[in-house]
Amino acid sequence: MERVIKNIVFDLGGVIMTLDPAEALRRFKALGLSDAERYLDSYTQSGIFGNLEEGKITAEDFRSKLSSLTGHELTFDECKHAWLGYRKDVPQRNLDLLKELRAKGYRLILLSNTNPFMMDWALSSEFDGKGSSLNDYFDALYLSYRLGIMKPASDFFRQVLDNENILPEETLFVDDGPRNVEAAGKLGFMTMCPDNGSDWTGELRSLLHL
């Protein structure tokens, strides 16, 4: 018997938004972080970058510590500009499908390893270039730095299930990180793992029989 999907949990970077890790590296190096490769990865950050995304330090802590690493004082906006190097684009086809899915009654949830600098943009009216924020496309947002936990930790997924009062077998998880998809699958989620920047909308439409 075919399972019925009622809820869809999306990742942000690599799914809704196309990632550009090379540009992020370039921008952090331009700030003076010569060994940026030590800290930055497409899926999981380390050092002060990982601590920021896991909510262990604040945006101000990060700014101060990055200033120390680069040897000169940095502003919030300089840090934000570097983080936004990850943002290549937000394809309109993705946003159009999100609107369509909500209109058809699917509950849309965002589950993201992210940080206050990225969210300063994403939660503003600049997100889609048309005056709407990430909040306008989703029913609920689960952000790593706010909750103090990161994918692929199973407790992150369990928080979503418990807080939303939803069943994993009625929920599709869409993420470009294989480890994240594997963790969700072990909990009973249906999963999709598109490549960063690929057009996954047709596959999702087919899965949902739209």
N, C-alpha and C. Protein backbone atom coordinates (compact mmCIF):
# COMPACT_ATOMS: atom_id res chain seq x y z
N MET A 1 0.85 -1.20 0.00
CA MET A 1 0.00 0.00 0.00
C MET A 1 0.89 1.25 0.00
N GLU A 2 0.60 2.17 -0.90
CA GLU A 2 1.43 3.37 -1.04
C GLU A 2 1.23 4.31 0.14
N ARG A 3 2.34 4.83 0.63
CA ARG A 3 2.27 5.75 1.76
C ARG A 3 1.85 7.14 1.28
N VAL A 4 1.09 7.81 2.11
CA VAL A 4 0.58 9.13 1.76
C VAL A 4 1.45 10.20 2.41
N ILE A 5 1.99 11.10 1.59
CA ILE A 5 2.82 12.18 2.10
C ILE A 5 1.94 13.37 2.46
N LYS A 6 2.03 13.79 3.72
CA LYS A 6 1.27 14.95 4.20
C LYS A 6 2.18 16.14 4.52
N ASN A 7 3.44 15.82 4.84
CA ASN A 7 4.38 16.85 5.29
C ASN A 7 5.67 16.73 4.48
N ILE A 8 6.29 17.87 4.17
CA ILE A 8 7.56 17.85 3.45
C ILE A 8 8.55 18.72 4.21
N VAL A 9 9.67 18.12 4.58
CA VAL A 9 10.74 18.82 5.31
C VAL A 9 11.87 19.10 4.32
N PHE A 10 12.18 20.37 4.15
CA PHE A 10 13.20 20.77 3.20
C PHE A 10 14.46 21.29 3.91
N ASP A 11 15.60 21.01 3.30
CA ASP A 11 16.84 21.69 3.65
C ASP A 11 16.84 23.03 2.90
N LEU A 12 17.63 23.99 3.40
CA LEU A 12 17.73 25.28 2.71
C LEU A 12 18.88 25.27 1.70
N GLY A 13 20.12 25.23 2.19
CA GLY A 13 21.27 25.30 1.30
C GLY A 13 21.47 24.04 0.50
N GLY A 14 21.51 24.17 -0.82
CA GLY A 14 21.66 23.01 -1.69
C GLY A 14 20.35 22.48 -2.23
N VAL A 15 19.23 22.95 -1.65
CA VAL A 15 17.91 22.52 -2.11
C VAL A 15 17.10 23.76 -2.52
N ILE A 16 16.59 24.51 -1.54
CA ILE A 16 15.84 25.73 -1.86
C ILE A 16 16.78 26.77 -2.46
N MET A 17 17.96 26.87 -1.90
CA MET A 17 18.98 27.82 -2.34
C MET A 17 20.17 27.05 -2.90
N THR A 18 20.69 27.47 -4.05
CA THR A 18 21.88 26.84 -4.61
C THR A 18 23.11 27.35 -3.88
N LEU A 19 23.98 26.43 -3.46
CA LEU A 19 25.18 26.79 -2.72
C LEU A 19 26.37 27.05 -3.64
N ASP A 20 27.23 27.97 -3.20
CA ASP A 20 28.48 28.25 -3.91
C ASP A 20 29.62 28.26 -2.89
N PRO A 21 30.07 27.07 -2.44
CA PRO A 21 31.11 27.00 -1.42
C PRO A 21 32.40 27.71 -1.81
N ALA A 22 32.75 27.68 -3.09
CA ALA A 22 33.98 28.31 -3.55
C ALA A 22 33.95 29.82 -3.33
N GLU A 23 32.80 30.42 -3.56
CA GLU A 23 32.66 31.86 -3.35
C GLU A 23 32.73 32.21 -1.87
N ALA A 24 32.14 31.36 -1.03
CA ALA A 24 32.22 31.60 0.42
C ALA A 24 33.67 31.54 0.87
N LEU A 25 34.40 30.56 0.40
CA LEU A 25 35.82 30.45 0.73
C LEU A 25 36.58 31.70 0.29
N ARG A 26 36.31 32.14 -0.93
CA ARG A 26 36.99 33.32 -1.46
C ARG A 26 36.73 34.54 -0.59
N ARG A 27 35.47 34.71 -0.15
CA ARG A 27 35.13 35.89 0.65
C ARG A 27 35.76 35.85 2.04
N PHE A 28 35.78 34.68 2.66
CA PHE A 28 36.42 34.60 3.98
C PHE A 28 37.92 34.79 3.87
N LYS A 29 38.52 34.31 2.80
CA LYS A 29 39.94 34.55 2.59
C LYS A 29 40.20 36.04 2.37
N ALA A 30 39.29 36.70 1.67
CA ALA A 30 39.43 38.13 1.42
C ALA A 30 39.38 38.93 2.72
N LEU A 31 38.70 38.38 3.72
CA LEU A 31 38.66 39.04 5.03
C LEU A 31 39.97 38.83 5.79
N GLY A 32 40.78 37.88 5.32
CA GLY A 32 42.05 37.63 5.98
C GLY A 32 42.17 36.25 6.61
N LEU A 33 41.16 35.40 6.40
CA LEU A 33 41.21 34.04 6.94
C LEU A 33 41.89 33.15 5.90
N SER A 34 43.20 33.12 5.93
CA SER A 34 43.97 32.46 4.88
C SER A 34 43.74 30.95 4.83
N ASP A 35 43.45 30.35 5.99
CA ASP A 35 43.22 28.89 6.04
C ASP A 35 41.74 28.55 6.15
N ALA A 36 40.92 29.27 5.40
CA ALA A 36 39.47 29.09 5.48
C ALA A 36 39.03 27.66 5.21
N GLU A 37 39.79 26.92 4.39
CA GLU A 37 39.44 25.52 4.10
C GLU A 37 39.39 24.67 5.36
N ARG A 38 40.12 25.04 6.38
CA ARG A 38 40.12 24.27 7.64
C ARG A 38 38.75 24.28 8.30
N TYR A 39 37.99 25.33 8.04
CA TYR A 39 36.74 25.54 8.79
C TYR A 39 35.47 25.29 7.98
N LEU A 40 35.55 25.47 6.67
CA LEU A 40 34.34 25.51 5.86
C LEU A 40 34.14 24.27 5.02
N ASP A 41 32.88 23.82 4.98
CA ASP A 41 32.51 22.64 4.22
C ASP A 41 31.08 22.87 3.72
N SER A 42 30.70 22.17 2.66
CA SER A 42 29.35 22.36 2.12
C SER A 42 28.26 21.89 3.09
N TYR A 43 28.58 20.92 3.96
CA TYR A 43 27.57 20.32 4.80
C TYR A 43 27.74 20.62 6.29
N THR A 44 28.99 20.58 6.77
CA THR A 44 29.22 20.76 8.20
C THR A 44 30.43 21.66 8.41
N GLN A 45 30.27 22.70 9.21
CA GLN A 45 31.38 23.61 9.49
C GLN A 45 32.09 23.15 10.77
N SER A 46 33.33 23.63 10.96
CA SER A 46 34.08 23.28 12.16
C SER A 46 34.63 24.53 12.83
N GLY A 47 35.23 24.35 14.02
CA GLY A 47 35.77 25.49 14.75
C GLY A 47 34.69 26.49 15.11
N ILE A 48 35.01 27.78 15.01
CA ILE A 48 34.03 28.81 15.36
C ILE A 48 32.84 28.80 14.41
N PHE A 49 33.04 28.30 13.20
CA PHE A 49 31.95 28.23 12.22
C PHE A 49 30.92 27.19 12.65
N GLY A 50 31.41 26.02 13.07
CA GLY A 50 30.52 24.98 13.57
C GLY A 50 29.86 25.38 14.88
N ASN A 51 30.64 26.04 15.75
CA ASN A 51 30.09 26.50 17.03
C ASN A 51 28.96 27.50 16.82
N LEU A 52 29.10 28.36 15.81
CA LEU A 52 28.06 29.33 15.49
C LEU A 52 26.79 28.63 15.03
N GLU A 53 26.95 27.67 14.13
CA GLU A 53 25.78 26.99 13.56
C GLU A 53 25.10 26.07 14.57
N GLU A 54 25.86 25.65 15.59
CA GLU A 54 25.26 24.79 16.62
C GLU A 54 24.75 25.62 17.80
N GLY A 55 24.85 26.94 17.70
CA GLY A 55 24.34 27.81 18.75
C GLY A 55 25.20 27.87 19.99
N LYS A 56 26.45 27.42 19.89
CA LYS A 56 27.35 27.44 21.05
C LYS A 56 27.94 28.84 21.28
N ILE A 57 28.00 29.63 20.22
CA ILE A 57 28.43 31.03 20.34
C ILE A 57 27.46 31.91 19.59
N THR A 58 27.42 33.18 19.95
CA THR A 58 26.52 34.13 19.31
C THR A 58 27.18 34.74 18.07
N ALA A 59 26.39 35.50 17.33
CA ALA A 59 26.93 36.20 16.17
C ALA A 59 28.03 37.17 16.59
N GLU A 60 27.84 37.84 17.72
CA GLU A 60 28.86 38.76 18.21
C GLU A 60 30.13 38.02 18.62
N ASP A 61 29.98 36.87 19.27
CA ASP A 61 31.14 36.04 19.61
C ASP A 61 31.91 35.66 18.34
N PHE A 62 31.16 35.26 17.32
CA PHE A 62 31.78 34.85 16.06
C PHE A 62 32.54 36.02 15.44
N ARG A 63 31.90 37.17 15.40
CA ARG A 63 32.54 38.36 14.83
C ARG A 63 33.85 38.66 15.55
N SER A 64 33.81 38.60 16.87
CA SER A 64 34.99 38.89 17.67
C SER A 64 36.10 37.85 17.44
N LYS A 65 35.72 36.57 17.43
CA LYS A 65 36.72 35.50 17.25
C LYS A 65 37.29 35.50 15.83
N LEU A 66 36.44 35.78 14.83
CA LEU A 66 36.95 35.84 13.46
C LEU A 66 37.88 37.05 13.31
N SER A 67 37.57 38.13 13.99
CA SER A 67 38.46 39.30 13.99
C SER A 67 39.84 38.92 14.52
N SER A 68 39.85 38.12 15.58
CA SER A 68 41.12 37.66 16.15
C SER A 68 41.89 36.78 15.18
N LEU A 69 41.15 35.89 14.50
CA LEU A 69 41.80 34.99 13.55
C LEU A 69 42.38 35.73 12.34
N THR A 70 41.71 36.80 11.92
CA THR A 70 42.17 37.53 10.74
C THR A 70 43.16 38.64 11.10
N GLY A 71 43.21 38.99 12.39
CA GLY A 71 44.16 40.00 12.83
C GLY A 71 43.69 41.43 12.68
N HIS A 72 42.41 41.60 12.36
CA HIS A 72 41.86 42.97 12.31
C HIS A 72 40.36 42.94 12.60
N GLU A 73 39.84 44.07 13.07
CA GLU A 73 38.44 44.15 13.51
C GLU A 73 37.49 44.05 12.32
N LEU A 74 36.51 43.17 12.46
CA LEU A 74 35.51 42.98 11.42
C LEU A 74 34.14 43.42 11.92
N THR A 75 33.29 43.85 11.01
CA THR A 75 31.92 44.24 11.37
C THR A 75 30.96 43.08 11.14
N PHE A 76 29.76 43.19 11.69
CA PHE A 76 28.71 42.20 11.45
C PHE A 76 28.47 42.08 9.95
N ASP A 77 28.38 43.21 9.26
CA ASP A 77 28.07 43.19 7.83
C ASP A 77 29.17 42.55 7.00
N GLU A 78 30.41 42.70 7.42
CA GLU A 78 31.51 42.04 6.71
C GLU A 78 31.42 40.53 6.88
N CYS A 79 31.09 40.08 8.08
CA CYS A 79 30.90 38.65 8.32
C CYS A 79 29.71 38.13 7.52
N LYS A 80 28.64 38.88 7.52
CA LYS A 80 27.43 38.48 6.79
C LYS A 80 27.73 38.36 5.29
N HIS A 81 28.45 39.34 4.75
CA HIS A 81 28.79 39.31 3.32
C HIS A 81 29.58 38.05 2.98
N ALA A 82 30.49 37.66 3.86
CA ALA A 82 31.28 36.46 3.60
C ALA A 82 30.41 35.20 3.66
N TRP A 83 29.56 35.11 4.69
CA TRP A 83 28.66 33.96 4.78
C TRP A 83 27.74 33.87 3.56
N LEU A 84 27.29 35.02 3.09
CA LEU A 84 26.36 35.02 1.94
C LEU A 84 27.05 34.63 0.64
N GLY A 85 28.37 34.42 0.70
CA GLY A 85 29.04 33.84 -0.46
C GLY A 85 28.47 32.46 -0.79
N TYR A 86 27.92 31.80 0.21
CA TYR A 86 27.30 30.49 -0.02
C TYR A 86 26.05 30.60 -0.89
N ARG A 87 25.44 31.78 -0.91
CA ARG A 87 24.16 31.96 -1.62
C ARG A 87 24.42 32.25 -3.09
N LYS A 88 24.30 31.24 -3.93
CA LYS A 88 24.46 31.46 -5.36
C LYS A 88 23.17 32.05 -5.94
N ASP A 89 22.07 31.35 -5.73
CA ASP A 89 20.77 31.89 -6.14
C ASP A 89 19.66 31.11 -5.45
N VAL A 90 18.45 31.66 -5.55
CA VAL A 90 17.25 30.98 -5.07
C VAL A 90 16.34 30.84 -6.28
N PRO A 91 16.41 29.69 -6.97
CA PRO A 91 15.65 29.53 -8.21
C PRO A 91 14.14 29.77 -8.02
N GLN A 92 13.59 30.55 -8.92
CA GLN A 92 12.16 30.86 -8.84
C GLN A 92 11.30 29.61 -8.92
N ARG A 93 11.76 28.61 -9.68
CA ARG A 93 10.97 27.36 -9.81
C ARG A 93 10.76 26.70 -8.46
N ASN A 94 11.76 26.81 -7.57
CA ASN A 94 11.64 26.22 -6.24
C ASN A 94 10.58 26.96 -5.42
N LEU A 95 10.64 28.28 -5.47
CA LEU A 95 9.68 29.09 -4.71
C LEU A 95 8.26 28.89 -5.23
N ASP A 96 8.12 28.80 -6.54
CA ASP A 96 6.79 28.58 -7.13
C ASP A 96 6.20 27.26 -6.66
N LEU A 97 7.04 26.22 -6.58
CA LEU A 97 6.54 24.91 -6.15
C LEU A 97 6.18 24.94 -4.66
N LEU A 98 6.97 25.64 -3.85
CA LEU A 98 6.64 25.76 -2.43
C LEU A 98 5.25 26.37 -2.26
N LYS A 99 4.98 27.42 -3.00
CA LYS A 99 3.66 28.07 -2.93
C LYS A 99 2.55 27.11 -3.34
N GLU A 100 2.81 26.37 -4.41
CA GLU A 100 1.81 25.42 -4.91
C GLU A 100 1.54 24.31 -3.89
N LEU A 101 2.60 23.81 -3.28
CA LEU A 101 2.45 22.73 -2.30
C LEU A 101 1.63 23.18 -1.09
N ARG A 102 1.91 24.39 -0.61
CA ARG A 102 1.13 24.89 0.54
C ARG A 102 -0.33 25.09 0.16
N ALA A 103 -0.54 25.57 -1.06
CA ALA A 103 -1.92 25.78 -1.52
C ALA A 103 -2.68 24.46 -1.61
N LYS A 104 -1.95 23.37 -1.86
CA LYS A 104 -2.58 22.05 -1.96
C LYS A 104 -2.71 21.36 -0.60
N GLY A 105 -2.25 22.02 0.46
CA GLY A 105 -2.47 21.50 1.80
C GLY A 105 -1.32 20.75 2.44
N TYR A 106 -0.19 20.68 1.77
CA TYR A 106 0.99 20.05 2.39
C TYR A 106 1.55 20.98 3.47
N ARG A 107 1.99 20.37 4.56
CA ARG A 107 2.66 21.16 5.60
C ARG A 107 4.14 21.20 5.26
N LEU A 108 4.68 22.41 5.10
CA LEU A 108 6.07 22.59 4.70
C LEU A 108 6.91 23.05 5.89
N ILE A 109 8.00 22.34 6.10
CA ILE A 109 8.88 22.58 7.25
C ILE A 109 10.31 22.74 6.75
N LEU A 110 11.01 23.71 7.28
CA LEU A 110 12.42 23.88 6.95
C LEU A 110 13.27 23.35 8.09
N LEU A 111 14.28 22.56 7.75
CA LEU A 111 15.21 22.00 8.74
C LEU A 111 16.62 22.30 8.24
N SER A 112 17.29 23.26 8.89
CA SER A 112 18.55 23.75 8.32
C SER A 112 19.66 23.89 9.35
N ASN A 113 20.86 23.45 8.96
CA ASN A 113 22.07 23.81 9.69
C ASN A 113 22.46 25.20 9.19
N THR A 114 22.29 26.21 10.02
CA THR A 114 22.50 27.57 9.54
C THR A 114 22.93 28.47 10.70
N ASN A 115 22.94 29.76 10.46
CA ASN A 115 23.50 30.70 11.44
C ASN A 115 22.83 32.06 11.35
N PRO A 116 23.06 32.94 12.33
CA PRO A 116 22.38 34.24 12.36
C PRO A 116 22.71 35.14 11.18
N PHE A 117 23.88 34.99 10.59
CA PHE A 117 24.25 35.85 9.45
C PHE A 117 23.44 35.49 8.21
N MET A 118 23.33 34.19 7.92
CA MET A 118 22.51 33.75 6.79
C MET A 118 21.05 34.10 7.02
N MET A 119 20.58 33.91 8.24
CA MET A 119 19.17 34.16 8.53
C MET A 119 18.84 35.65 8.57
N ASP A 120 19.83 36.50 8.82
CA ASP A 120 19.59 37.94 8.75
C ASP A 120 19.10 38.32 7.36
N TRP A 121 19.60 37.60 6.36
CA TRP A 121 19.12 37.79 4.98
C TRP A 121 17.84 36.99 4.73
N ALA A 122 17.86 35.69 5.04
CA ALA A 122 16.76 34.80 4.66
C ALA A 122 15.44 35.16 5.34
N LEU A 123 15.50 35.69 6.56
CA LEU A 123 14.28 36.05 7.28
C LEU A 123 13.86 37.49 7.02
N SER A 124 14.52 38.12 6.06
CA SER A 124 14.15 39.50 5.70
C SER A 124 13.37 39.50 4.38
N SER A 125 12.86 40.66 4.02
CA SER A 125 12.09 40.78 2.77
C SER A 125 12.98 40.68 1.54
N GLU A 126 14.30 40.56 1.74
CA GLU A 126 15.23 40.44 0.62
C GLU A 126 15.35 39.00 0.12
N PHE A 127 14.79 38.04 0.88
CA PHE A 127 15.02 36.63 0.58
C PHE A 127 14.69 36.26 -0.86
N ASP A 128 13.49 36.57 -1.32
CA ASP A 128 13.10 36.13 -2.67
C ASP A 128 13.22 37.24 -3.72
N GLY A 129 13.70 38.41 -3.28
CA GLY A 129 13.84 39.52 -4.22
C GLY A 129 12.52 40.19 -4.55
N LYS A 130 11.45 39.75 -3.88
CA LYS A 130 10.11 40.30 -4.17
C LYS A 130 9.39 40.75 -2.91
N GLY A 131 10.15 40.90 -1.84
CA GLY A 131 9.55 41.42 -0.61
C GLY A 131 9.07 40.38 0.38
N SER A 132 9.31 39.09 0.08
CA SER A 132 8.88 38.02 1.00
C SER A 132 10.10 37.36 1.64
N SER A 133 9.91 36.86 2.86
CA SER A 133 10.99 36.18 3.58
C SER A 133 10.77 34.68 3.55
N LEU A 134 11.73 33.97 4.07
CA LEU A 134 11.63 32.51 4.19
C LEU A 134 10.37 32.11 4.95
N ASN A 135 10.01 32.92 5.95
CA ASN A 135 8.81 32.63 6.74
C ASN A 135 7.54 32.56 5.90
N ASP A 136 7.54 33.28 4.78
CA ASP A 136 6.34 33.34 3.94
C ASP A 136 6.15 32.08 3.10
N TYR A 137 7.16 31.22 3.08
CA TYR A 137 7.09 30.00 2.26
C TYR A 137 6.93 28.72 3.08
N PHE A 138 7.08 28.83 4.40
CA PHE A 138 7.06 27.63 5.25
C PHE A 138 6.10 27.79 6.42
N ASP A 139 5.63 26.64 6.91
CA ASP A 139 4.76 26.63 8.09
C ASP A 139 5.56 26.64 9.38
N ALA A 140 6.79 26.13 9.32
CA ALA A 140 7.63 26.08 10.52
C ALA A 140 9.09 26.03 10.10
N LEU A 141 9.95 26.67 10.90
CA LEU A 141 11.39 26.67 10.65
C LEU A 141 12.12 26.06 11.84
N TYR A 142 13.00 25.12 11.58
CA TYR A 142 13.85 24.52 12.61
C TYR A 142 15.30 24.83 12.23
N LEU A 143 15.91 25.73 12.98
CA LEU A 143 17.22 26.26 12.65
C LEU A 143 18.23 25.81 13.69
N SER A 144 19.34 25.25 13.24
CA SER A 144 20.31 24.63 14.14
C SER A 144 20.79 25.56 15.25
N TYR A 145 21.12 26.80 14.89
CA TYR A 145 21.71 27.69 15.90
C TYR A 145 20.70 28.10 16.97
N ARG A 146 19.42 28.06 16.64
CA ARG A 146 18.39 28.37 17.64
C ARG A 146 18.12 27.20 18.57
N LEU A 147 18.24 26.00 18.03
CA LEU A 147 17.87 24.80 18.80
C LEU A 147 19.08 24.12 19.43
N GLY A 148 20.29 24.54 19.06
CA GLY A 148 21.49 23.97 19.67
C GLY A 148 21.80 22.55 19.24
N ILE A 149 21.40 22.21 18.02
CA ILE A 149 21.64 20.85 17.52
C ILE A 149 21.71 20.91 16.00
N MET A 150 22.47 19.99 15.41
CA MET A 150 22.67 20.01 13.96
C MET A 150 22.38 18.66 13.32
N LYS A 151 21.91 18.70 12.08
CA LYS A 151 21.84 17.48 11.28
C LYS A 151 23.27 16.97 11.11
N PRO A 152 23.49 15.65 11.09
CA PRO A 152 22.49 14.59 11.01
C PRO A 152 22.07 13.99 12.36
N ALA A 153 22.19 14.71 13.46
CA ALA A 153 21.78 14.18 14.77
C ALA A 153 20.31 13.77 14.74
N SER A 154 20.04 12.55 15.17
CA SER A 154 18.67 12.03 15.12
C SER A 154 17.72 12.86 16.00
N ASP A 155 18.25 13.44 17.07
CA ASP A 155 17.39 14.24 17.96
C ASP A 155 16.84 15.47 17.27
N PHE A 156 17.56 15.98 16.28
CA PHE A 156 17.07 17.14 15.52
C PHE A 156 15.80 16.75 14.78
N PHE A 157 15.82 15.59 14.14
CA PHE A 157 14.65 15.10 13.41
C PHE A 157 13.51 14.77 14.37
N ARG A 158 13.86 14.20 15.52
CA ARG A 158 12.83 13.83 16.50
C ARG A 158 12.13 15.09 17.05
N GLN A 159 12.88 16.17 17.21
CA GLN A 159 12.26 17.42 17.66
C GLN A 159 11.18 17.87 16.70
N VAL A 160 11.47 17.75 15.41
CA VAL A 160 10.48 18.13 14.39
C VAL A 160 9.24 17.25 14.51
N LEU A 161 9.45 15.95 14.59
CA LEU A 161 8.32 15.02 14.68
C LEU A 161 7.47 15.30 15.92
N ASP A 162 8.13 15.52 17.05
CA ASP A 162 7.41 15.75 18.31
C ASP A 162 6.70 17.11 18.31
N ASN A 163 7.42 18.15 17.92
CA ASN A 163 6.84 19.50 17.96
C ASN A 163 5.70 19.67 16.97
N GLU A 164 5.85 19.04 15.81
CA GLU A 164 4.83 19.17 14.77
C GLU A 164 3.71 18.14 14.92
N ASN A 165 3.95 17.14 15.78
CA ASN A 165 2.99 16.05 15.97
C ASN A 165 2.68 15.36 14.64
N ILE A 166 3.76 15.00 13.93
CA ILE A 166 3.61 14.34 12.64
C ILE A 166 4.31 12.98 12.67
N LEU A 167 3.97 12.13 11.70
CA LEU A 167 4.53 10.79 11.61
C LEU A 167 5.61 10.76 10.52
N PRO A 168 6.73 10.09 10.78
CA PRO A 168 7.79 10.04 9.77
C PRO A 168 7.33 9.36 8.48
N GLU A 169 6.45 8.36 8.60
CA GLU A 169 6.01 7.64 7.40
C GLU A 169 5.07 8.48 6.53
N GLU A 170 4.62 9.62 7.06
CA GLU A 170 3.80 10.54 6.27
C GLU A 170 4.58 11.80 5.88
N THR A 171 5.91 11.71 6.05
CA THR A 171 6.75 12.89 5.86
C THR A 171 7.89 12.61 4.90
N LEU A 172 8.07 13.51 3.94
CA LEU A 172 9.18 13.43 2.99
C LEU A 172 10.26 14.41 3.40
N PHE A 173 11.51 13.94 3.41
CA PHE A 173 12.65 14.79 3.75
C PHE A 173 13.51 14.99 2.51
N VAL A 174 13.75 16.26 2.15
CA VAL A 174 14.50 16.60 0.94
C VAL A 174 15.76 17.36 1.34
N ASP A 175 16.93 16.75 1.09
CA ASP A 175 18.20 17.34 1.52
C ASP A 175 19.30 16.89 0.56
N ASP A 176 20.27 17.77 0.29
CA ASP A 176 21.35 17.39 -0.62
C ASP A 176 22.50 16.69 0.09
N GLY A 177 22.41 16.52 1.41
CA GLY A 177 23.46 15.86 2.18
C GLY A 177 23.16 14.40 2.41
N PRO A 178 23.94 13.49 1.83
CA PRO A 178 23.69 12.05 1.97
C PRO A 178 23.60 11.58 3.43
N ARG A 179 24.45 12.12 4.30
CA ARG A 179 24.43 11.70 5.72
C ARG A 179 23.12 12.13 6.38
N ASN A 180 22.63 13.30 6.01
CA ASN A 180 21.36 13.79 6.58
C ASN A 180 20.19 12.92 6.12
N VAL A 181 20.20 12.59 4.84
CA VAL A 181 19.14 11.76 4.26
C VAL A 181 19.16 10.36 4.89
N GLU A 182 20.36 9.84 5.09
CA GLU A 182 20.48 8.52 5.71
C GLU A 182 19.92 8.54 7.14
N ALA A 183 20.23 9.60 7.89
CA ALA A 183 19.73 9.70 9.27
C ALA A 183 18.22 9.78 9.31
N ALA A 184 17.63 10.54 8.40
CA ALA A 184 16.17 10.66 8.34
C ALA A 184 15.53 9.34 7.94
N GLY A 185 16.15 8.66 6.99
CA GLY A 185 15.62 7.39 6.53
C GLY A 185 15.57 6.35 7.64
N LYS A 186 16.56 6.37 8.52
CA LYS A 186 16.60 5.42 9.63
C LYS A 186 15.45 5.64 10.61
N LEU A 187 14.91 6.87 10.63
CA LEU A 187 13.78 7.18 11.51
C LEU A 187 12.43 6.95 10.84
N GLY A 188 12.47 6.53 9.58
CA GLY A 188 11.22 6.21 8.90
C GLY A 188 10.72 7.25 7.92
N PHE A 189 11.46 8.34 7.76
CA PHE A 189 11.08 9.35 6.76
C PHE A 189 11.23 8.77 5.36
N MET A 190 10.38 9.21 4.45
CA MET A 190 10.68 9.04 3.03
C MET A 190 11.71 10.12 2.68
N THR A 191 12.58 9.84 1.72
CA THR A 191 13.66 10.79 1.46
C THR A 191 13.90 11.02 -0.03
N MET A 192 14.47 12.20 -0.30
CA MET A 192 14.97 12.57 -1.62
C MET A 192 16.31 13.26 -1.40
N CYS A 193 17.30 12.97 -2.26
CA CYS A 193 18.63 13.56 -2.09
C CYS A 193 19.10 14.17 -3.42
N PRO A 194 18.56 15.34 -3.77
CA PRO A 194 18.99 15.98 -5.03
C PRO A 194 20.40 16.56 -4.90
N ASP A 195 21.07 16.72 -6.03
CA ASP A 195 22.37 17.38 -6.03
C ASP A 195 22.18 18.88 -5.87
N ASN A 196 23.14 19.51 -5.22
CA ASN A 196 23.12 20.96 -5.05
C ASN A 196 22.93 21.65 -6.40
N GLY A 197 21.91 22.51 -6.47
CA GLY A 197 21.67 23.29 -7.68
C GLY A 197 20.88 22.60 -8.76
N SER A 198 20.59 21.31 -8.58
CA SER A 198 19.82 20.59 -9.61
C SER A 198 18.35 20.98 -9.54
N ASP A 199 17.64 20.73 -10.64
CA ASP A 199 16.20 20.98 -10.67
C ASP A 199 15.48 19.72 -10.17
N TRP A 200 15.12 19.75 -8.88
CA TRP A 200 14.48 18.59 -8.26
C TRP A 200 12.95 18.67 -8.32
N THR A 201 12.43 19.76 -8.89
CA THR A 201 10.98 19.98 -8.84
C THR A 201 10.20 18.92 -9.61
N GLY A 202 10.74 18.45 -10.74
CA GLY A 202 10.05 17.43 -11.52
C GLY A 202 9.97 16.10 -10.77
N GLU A 203 11.06 15.74 -10.11
CA GLU A 203 11.08 14.49 -9.33
C GLU A 203 10.08 14.55 -8.20
N LEU A 204 10.00 15.71 -7.56
CA LEU A 204 9.06 15.85 -6.43
C LEU A 204 7.62 15.82 -6.93
N ARG A 205 7.36 16.48 -8.02
CA ARG A 205 6.01 16.45 -8.61
C ARG A 205 5.60 15.03 -8.94
N SER A 206 6.52 14.28 -9.50
CA SER A 206 6.24 12.89 -9.86
C SER A 206 5.95 12.04 -8.62
N LEU A 207 6.72 12.26 -7.59
CA LEU A 207 6.55 11.52 -6.34
C LEU A 207 5.18 11.80 -5.72
N LEU A 208 4.74 13.05 -5.83
CA LEU A 208 3.47 13.47 -5.22
C LEU A 208 2.29 13.33 -6.19
N HIS A 209 2.58 12.89 -7.43
CA HIS A 209 1.54 12.74 -8.47
C HIS A 209 0.85 14.08 -8.75
N LEU A 210 1.64 15.13 -8.84
CA LEU A 210 1.07 16.47 -9.12
C LEU A 210 0.99 16.69 -10.63
